[in-house]
Protein backbone atom coordinates (compact mmCIF):
# COMPACT_ATOMS: atom_id res chain seq x y z
CA UNK A 1 34.39 -1.11 23.34
CA UNK A 2 36.40 1.76 24.59
CA UNK A 3 35.96 3.62 27.88
CA UNK A 4 36.74 7.21 28.53
CA UNK A 5 40.13 8.10 30.25
CA UNK A 6 41.35 4.51 30.42
CA UNK A 7 38.41 3.61 32.65
CA UNK A 8 38.01 -0.16 32.80
CA UNK A 9 34.47 -2.03 32.53
CA UNK A 10 34.20 -2.93 36.20
CA UNK A 11 35.48 0.50 37.42
CA UNK A 12 32.73 2.23 35.04
CA UNK A 13 29.99 0.29 36.78
CA UNK A 14 30.97 0.13 40.35
CA UNK A 15 29.38 2.68 42.92
CA UNK A 16 31.30 4.91 45.03
CA UNK A 17 31.33 3.94 48.78
CA UNK A 18 28.43 5.53 50.71
CA UNK A 19 28.67 8.63 52.97
CA UNK A 20 28.51 8.04 56.80
CA UNK A 21 25.08 9.92 56.95
CA UNK A 22 23.67 7.43 54.40
CA UNK A 23 25.03 4.45 56.17
CA UNK A 24 23.81 5.89 59.49
CA UNK A 25 20.09 6.75 58.16
CA UNK A 26 20.08 3.20 56.63
CA UNK A 27 20.89 1.42 59.80
CA UNK A 28 18.24 3.38 61.67
CA UNK A 29 15.57 2.78 58.99
CA UNK A 30 16.35 -1.13 58.99
CA UNK A 31 16.35 -1.27 62.95
CA UNK A 32 13.11 0.39 63.05
CA UNK A 33 11.49 -1.80 60.36
CA UNK A 34 13.01 -4.79 62.33
CA UNK A 35 11.57 -3.69 65.69
CA UNK A 36 8.05 -2.95 64.00
CA UNK A 37 8.18 -6.35 62.62
CA UNK A 38 8.85 -7.91 66.00
CA UNK A 39 5.89 -5.83 67.27
CA UNK A 40 8.34 -4.58 70.05
CA UNK A 41 8.79 -1.31 71.65
CA UNK A 42 12.46 -0.50 72.15
CA UNK A 43 13.23 2.26 74.55
CA UNK A 44 15.08 5.16 72.48
CA UNK A 45 18.27 4.64 74.53
CA UNK A 46 18.54 1.02 73.57
CA UNK A 47 17.55 1.81 69.98
CA UNK A 48 20.45 4.46 69.71
CA UNK A 49 22.81 1.79 71.27
CA UNK A 50 21.86 -0.76 68.80
CA UNK A 51 22.25 1.65 65.99
CA UNK A 52 25.72 2.83 67.05
CA UNK A 53 26.70 -0.97 67.27
CA UNK A 54 25.36 -1.76 64.03
CA UNK A 55 26.81 1.23 62.42
CA UNK A 56 30.27 0.36 63.81
CA UNK A 57 29.99 -3.32 62.31
CA UNK A 58 28.96 -1.76 58.93
CA UNK A 59 31.84 0.58 58.90
CA UNK A 60 34.29 -2.16 59.86
CA UNK A 61 32.93 -4.37 56.74
CA UNK A 62 32.28 -1.56 54.60
CA UNK A 63 33.90 -2.79 51.43
CA UNK A 64 32.31 -6.30 51.63
CA UNK A 65 28.86 -4.39 52.05
CA UNK A 66 29.61 -2.15 49.31
CA UNK A 67 30.80 -5.05 47.00
CA UNK A 68 27.62 -7.07 47.70
CA UNK A 69 25.18 -4.31 47.85
CA UNK A 70 22.83 -5.99 45.31
CA UNK A 71 22.70 -9.09 47.24
CA UNK A 72 20.12 -8.98 50.08
CA UNK A 73 20.22 -12.67 51.26
CA UNK A 74 24.15 -12.30 51.24
CA UNK A 75 23.69 -9.25 53.56
CA UNK A 76 21.22 -10.87 55.59
CA UNK A 77 23.65 -13.63 56.08
CA UNK A 78 26.21 -11.30 57.04
CA UNK A 79 23.86 -9.40 59.50
CA UNK A 80 23.23 -12.68 61.42
CA UNK A 81 26.80 -13.64 61.67
CA UNK A 82 28.03 -10.31 62.86
CA UNK A 83 25.22 -8.21 64.33
CA UNK A 84 22.09 -10.22 65.19
CA UNK A 85 23.36 -11.84 68.43
CA UNK A 86 24.57 -8.46 69.94
CA UNK A 87 21.23 -6.82 69.17
CA UNK A 88 19.08 -9.64 70.40
CA UNK A 89 20.93 -9.63 73.75
CA UNK A 90 20.40 -5.76 73.97
CA UNK A 91 16.88 -5.83 72.99
CA UNK A 92 16.24 -9.10 74.99
CA UNK A 93 14.75 -11.09 72.21
CA UNK A 94 15.07 -14.44 70.65
CA UNK A 95 18.24 -14.12 68.05
CA UNK A 96 16.07 -16.19 65.50
CA UNK A 97 12.97 -14.32 65.89
CA UNK A 98 15.13 -11.15 65.27
CA UNK A 99 16.80 -12.72 62.26
CA UNK A 100 13.39 -13.61 60.80
CA UNK A 101 12.18 -9.97 61.37
CA UNK A 102 15.24 -8.46 59.85
CA UNK A 103 15.25 -10.62 56.79
CA UNK A 104 11.43 -9.86 56.39
CA UNK A 105 12.09 -5.99 56.79
CA UNK A 106 15.45 -5.87 54.76
CA UNK A 107 14.16 -8.23 51.91
CA UNK A 108 16.94 -11.04 52.31
């Protein structure tokens, strides 16, 4: 099979990296759903701080996240390793409860 303009098979099916706006909105949505699953009211300033923290971590690991975008379990494991403890401390919740709520909200 030939691909147009010398395009390789793996390049044809790969997606472009998301824009910063899409990343920010996804982080906001995921944290909102997580807090809702915890049945926890998070003050707006703490939610904004958690969003910024989460956004920074995602941007730092953007290539890994983009490569594994279809594997929710792997991304949830990444979240547990890199983000969970900081947000649990910020929201004053148990890290394991936060992890369960995130996985339930995120689908991993």
